[in-house]
N, C-alpha and C. Protein backbone atom coordinates (compact mmCIF):
# COMPACT_ATOMS: atom_id res chain seq x y z
N MET A 1 1.18 -1.29 0.18
CA MET A 1 -0.29 -0.22 0.20
C MET A 1 0.91 1.37 -0.15
N ARG A 2 0.72 2.29 -0.51
CA ARG A 2 1.14 3.53 -0.79
C ARG A 2 0.96 4.29 0.08
N ALA A 3 1.96 5.55 0.53
CA ALA A 3 1.83 6.32 1.43
C ALA A 3 1.11 7.48 0.88
N ALA A 4 0.28 8.17 1.67
CA ALA A 4 -0.72 9.51 1.37
C ALA A 4 0.16 10.52 0.50
N ASN A 5 1.15 10.58 0.74
CA ASN A 5 1.77 11.45 -0.37
C ASN A 5 2.59 10.90 -1.36
N GLU A 6 2.78 9.63 -1.67
CA GLU A 6 2.77 9.33 -2.83
C GLU A 6 2.40 9.40 -3.94
N PRO A 7 2.73 9.95 -5.36
CA PRO A 7 1.98 9.73 -6.21
C PRO A 7 1.50 8.86 -6.85
N SER A 8 0.03 8.62 -7.53
CA SER A 8 -0.65 7.37 -8.03
C SER A 8 0.39 7.38 -9.41
N LEU A 9 0.03 5.96 -9.41
CA LEU A 9 1.12 5.66 -11.18
C LEU A 9 -0.19 6.12 -12.00
N GLY A 10 0.34 6.60 -13.17
CA GLY A 10 -1.14 6.80 -14.36
C GLY A 10 -1.25 8.06 -14.34
N LYS A 11 -1.45 8.95 -13.02
CA LYS A 11 -1.60 10.36 -12.81
C LYS A 11 -1.20 11.42 -13.69
N SER A 12 -1.59 12.00 -14.44
CA SER A 12 -0.98 13.05 -15.34
C SER A 12 -0.07 13.89 -14.12
N ARG A 13 1.25 14.29 -14.89
CA ARG A 13 2.38 14.97 -14.17
C ARG A 13 2.03 17.05 -14.50
N GLY A 14 1.12 16.86 -15.57
CA GLY A 14 1.00 18.50 -16.26
C GLY A 14 2.08 18.46 -16.85
N ASN A 15 2.78 19.67 -17.01
CA ASN A 15 4.08 20.55 -17.51
C ASN A 15 5.26 19.79 -16.51
N ALA A 16 5.28 19.36 -15.76
CA ALA A 16 6.41 19.03 -14.58
C ALA A 16 7.34 18.23 -15.33
N GLY A 17 8.71 18.57 -15.25
CA GLY A 17 9.68 17.52 -15.83
C GLY A 17 9.94 18.12 -17.46
N LYS A 18 8.77 19.17 -18.00
CA LYS A 18 8.95 19.43 -19.62
C LYS A 18 10.37 20.39 -19.57
N GLY A 19 10.45 21.44 -19.01
CA GLY A 19 11.27 22.81 -18.76
C GLY A 19 10.93 23.74 -20.08
N ARG A 20 12.15 24.08 -20.72
CA ARG A 20 11.92 24.90 -21.73
C ARG A 20 12.61 24.55 -22.97
N ALA A 21 11.23 25.02 -24.21
CA ALA A 21 11.48 24.18 -25.14
C ALA A 21 12.91 24.17 -25.76
N LYS A 22 13.55 23.41 -26.47
CA LYS A 22 15.00 23.43 -26.80
C LYS A 22 14.97 24.89 -27.92
N GLY A 23 16.22 25.29 -27.82
CA GLY A 23 16.47 26.56 -28.68
C GLY A 23 15.87 28.01 -27.85
N SER A 24 14.87 27.65 -26.70
CA SER A 24 14.74 29.19 -26.60
C SER A 24 15.35 29.72 -25.78
N ARG A 25 15.36 30.70 -25.33
CA ARG A 25 16.55 31.35 -24.34
C ARG A 25 15.77 31.92 -23.13
N ASN A 26 16.82 32.21 -22.51
CA ASN A 26 16.30 31.79 -20.66
C ASN A 26 15.96 33.92 -21.03
N LYS A 27 14.42 33.68 -20.22
CA LYS A 27 14.42 34.85 -20.13
C LYS A 27 15.20 36.30 -19.51
N VAL A 28 15.67 36.03 -18.27
CA VAL A 28 16.19 36.79 -17.39
C VAL A 28 17.79 37.08 -18.22
N PRO A 29 18.64 36.31 -18.90
CA PRO A 29 19.72 36.63 -19.38
C PRO A 29 19.14 37.40 -20.72
N ALA A 30 18.20 36.88 -21.57
CA ALA A 30 17.97 37.50 -22.63
C ALA A 30 17.46 39.16 -22.64
N ALA A 31 16.59 39.54 -21.04
CA ALA A 31 16.10 40.35 -20.90
C ALA A 31 17.62 41.27 -20.02
N LEU A 32 18.55 40.70 -19.52
CA LEU A 32 19.57 41.25 -18.96
C LEU A 32 20.69 41.62 -20.01
N LYS A 33 20.87 41.04 -21.52
CA LYS A 33 21.67 41.39 -22.55
C LYS A 33 20.96 42.61 -23.11
N ASP A 34 19.61 42.51 -23.22
CA ASP A 34 19.14 43.96 -24.45
C ASP A 34 19.49 44.93 -23.17
N MET A 35 19.22 44.93 -21.82
CA MET A 35 19.73 46.24 -21.64
C MET A 35 21.04 46.55 -21.75
N ILE A 36 22.19 46.03 -21.46
CA ILE A 36 23.74 46.05 -21.50
C ILE A 36 23.95 46.76 -22.80
N LEU A 37 22.88 46.01 -24.24
CA LEU A 37 22.91 46.36 -26.01
C LEU A 37 22.72 47.76 -25.55
N ALA A 38 21.65 48.02 -24.76
CA ALA A 38 20.87 49.21 -25.09
C ALA A 38 21.89 50.68 -24.04
N ALA A 39 22.18 50.24 -23.07
CA ALA A 39 23.48 51.23 -22.27
C ALA A 39 24.72 51.44 -23.36
N LEU A 40 24.99 50.36 -24.05
CA LEU A 40 26.25 50.26 -24.73
C LEU A 40 25.85 51.34 -25.89
N ASP A 41 24.89 51.31 -26.36
CA ASP A 41 24.16 52.24 -27.65
C ASP A 41 24.49 53.72 -27.11
N GLN A 42 24.01 53.85 -26.20
CA GLN A 42 23.76 55.06 -25.34
C GLN A 42 25.42 55.90 -24.98
N CYS A 43 25.73 54.84 -24.69
CA CYS A 43 27.28 55.59 -24.57
C CYS A 43 28.09 55.74 -25.88
N GLY A 44 27.95 55.48 -26.93
CA GLY A 44 28.54 55.89 -27.89
C GLY A 44 28.82 54.19 -28.92
N GLY A 45 28.54 53.26 -28.62
CA GLY A 45 28.71 52.31 -28.76
C GLY A 45 29.79 51.38 -29.84
N ILE A 46 30.20 51.43 -30.91
CA ILE A 46 31.70 51.38 -31.29
C ILE A 46 32.69 51.83 -30.73
N GLU A 47 32.51 53.63 -31.05
CA GLU A 47 33.17 54.44 -30.88
C GLU A 47 33.98 53.88 -29.17
N TYR A 48 32.59 54.21 -28.07
CA TYR A 48 32.99 54.01 -26.90
C TYR A 48 33.55 52.43 -26.57
N LEU A 49 33.51 51.48 -27.27
CA LEU A 49 34.45 50.16 -27.47
C LEU A 49 35.55 50.10 -27.52
N LYS A 50 35.51 50.86 -28.73
CA LYS A 50 37.26 50.93 -29.14
C LYS A 50 37.88 52.34 -28.06
N SER A 51 37.49 53.26 -27.23
CA SER A 51 37.91 54.13 -26.38
C SER A 51 38.68 53.00 -25.16
N GLN A 52 37.81 51.96 -24.94
CA GLN A 52 37.73 51.39 -23.67
C GLN A 52 38.85 50.39 -24.26
N ALA A 53 38.90 49.66 -25.46
CA ALA A 53 39.85 49.15 -26.01
C ALA A 53 41.28 49.57 -25.47
N LEU A 54 41.33 51.25 -25.81
CA LEU A 54 42.74 51.79 -25.76
C LEU A 54 43.09 52.09 -23.98
N SER A 55 42.11 52.31 -23.05
CA SER A 55 41.98 52.45 -22.05
C SER A 55 42.18 51.56 -20.90
N GLN A 56 41.39 50.85 -21.28
CA GLN A 56 41.52 49.44 -20.72
C GLN A 56 41.34 48.09 -21.47
N PRO A 57 42.79 47.75 -21.51
CA PRO A 57 42.84 46.72 -22.72
C PRO A 57 42.56 45.05 -21.80
N VAL A 58 42.93 45.11 -20.73
CA VAL A 58 42.61 44.11 -19.93
C VAL A 58 40.79 43.97 -19.62
N ALA A 59 40.36 44.81 -19.75
CA ALA A 59 38.49 44.24 -19.38
C ALA A 59 38.30 44.16 -20.34
N PHE A 60 38.66 44.87 -21.68
CA PHE A 60 38.09 44.74 -23.33
C PHE A 60 38.51 43.08 -24.08
N MET A 61 39.84 42.96 -23.79
CA MET A 61 40.45 41.41 -23.84
C MET A 61 39.33 40.21 -23.43
N ALA A 62 39.28 40.37 -22.12
CA ALA A 62 38.69 39.57 -21.58
C ALA A 62 36.96 39.87 -22.17
N LEU A 63 36.76 40.91 -22.52
CA LEU A 63 35.47 40.65 -23.04
C LEU A 63 35.20 40.26 -24.59
N VAL A 64 36.29 40.50 -25.55
CA VAL A 64 36.60 40.24 -26.84
C VAL A 64 36.81 38.42 -26.47
N GLY A 65 37.19 37.92 -25.14
CA GLY A 65 37.51 36.24 -25.11
C GLY A 65 35.80 35.48 -24.73
N LYS A 66 34.97 36.67 -24.18
CA LYS A 66 33.63 35.86 -24.05
C LYS A 66 32.86 35.94 -25.16
N VAL A 67 33.16 36.67 -25.91
CA VAL A 67 32.10 36.95 -27.55
C VAL A 67 33.15 36.11 -28.25
N LEU A 68 33.86 36.14 -28.87
CA LEU A 68 34.36 35.65 -29.69
C LEU A 68 33.82 33.60 -30.14
N PRO A 69 34.15 33.04 -28.76
CA PRO A 69 33.69 31.61 -29.03
C PRO A 69 32.47 31.70 -29.77
N MET A 70 31.48 32.66 -29.47
CA MET A 70 29.91 32.21 -29.70
C MET A 70 30.26 33.02 -31.17
N GLN A 71 31.01 33.92 -31.80
CA GLN A 71 31.22 34.24 -33.33
C GLN A 71 31.86 33.78 -33.95
N ILE A 72 32.75 32.46 -33.72
CA ILE A 72 33.60 31.64 -34.98
C ILE A 72 32.23 30.38 -34.93
N ASN A 73 32.19 30.39 -36.44
CA ASN A 73 31.71 29.57 -36.97
C ASN A 73 31.97 29.19 -38.47
N ALA A 74 33.31 28.22 -38.14
CA ALA A 74 33.73 28.43 -39.66
C ALA A 74 33.91 26.59 -40.05
N ASN A 75 34.25 26.38 -41.11
CA ASN A 75 34.72 25.17 -42.34
C ASN A 75 36.10 25.34 -42.37
N VAL A 76 37.21 24.77 -41.29
CA VAL A 76 38.57 24.57 -42.43
C VAL A 76 38.47 23.64 -42.93
N ASN A 77 39.64 23.98 -44.33
CA ASN A 77 39.88 22.49 -45.33
C ASN A 77 41.08 22.74 -45.74
N ALA A 78 42.16 22.55 -45.13
CA ALA A 78 43.45 22.96 -45.82
C ALA A 78 44.84 22.08 -45.45
N LYS A 79 45.54 21.67 -46.06
CA LYS A 79 46.79 21.30 -45.81
C LYS A 79 47.52 21.55 -45.01
N VAL A 80 47.97 21.28 -43.98
CA VAL A 80 49.60 21.38 -43.16
C VAL A 80 50.67 20.91 -43.46
N LEU A 81 51.92 21.70 -44.13
CA LEU A 81 52.58 21.24 -45.05
C LEU A 81 53.66 21.59 -43.70
N PRO A 82 54.73 20.43 -43.50
CA PRO A 82 55.70 20.11 -42.27
C PRO A 82 56.78 21.68 -42.38
N SER A 83 57.12 21.99 -40.91
CA SER A 83 58.18 23.46 -41.33
C SER A 83 58.85 23.05 -40.35
N THR A 84 60.06 24.44 -39.69
CA THR A 84 60.74 24.26 -39.20
C THR A 84 60.44 25.72 -38.69
N VAL A 85 60.87 25.97 -36.94
CA VAL A 85 60.66 27.03 -36.51
C VAL A 85 61.23 28.54 -37.64
N ASP A 86 62.57 28.02 -37.69
CA ASP A 86 63.25 28.98 -38.73
C ASP A 86 62.37 29.21 -40.00
N ASP A 87 61.80 28.65 -40.76
CA ASP A 87 60.58 28.87 -41.46
C ASP A 87 59.67 30.09 -41.01
N PHE A 88 59.43 30.79 -39.94
CA PHE A 88 58.60 31.65 -39.02
C PHE A 88 59.73 32.85 -38.75
N LEU A 89 60.92 32.85 -38.56
CA LEU A 89 61.86 33.59 -37.67
C LEU A 89 62.77 34.80 -39.36
């Protein structure tokens, strides 16, 4: 016999366990990203980022490191030829 707090078999659990649909964005990070982009636009956009790259290079490169992995989508088909270090000097 089941305890009173155990769910009975065969009962519908509704939407429990379904989660977000595949590919849908989490609402909080999406809203935060929109706010950050709006603030960047109000601060001068590209010109502001250029000034920050010069005045705060460490922070700017950290930002670049966060963004680049999301931006690179390449299919590379190349032959790598053997070489020595002297070829590059």
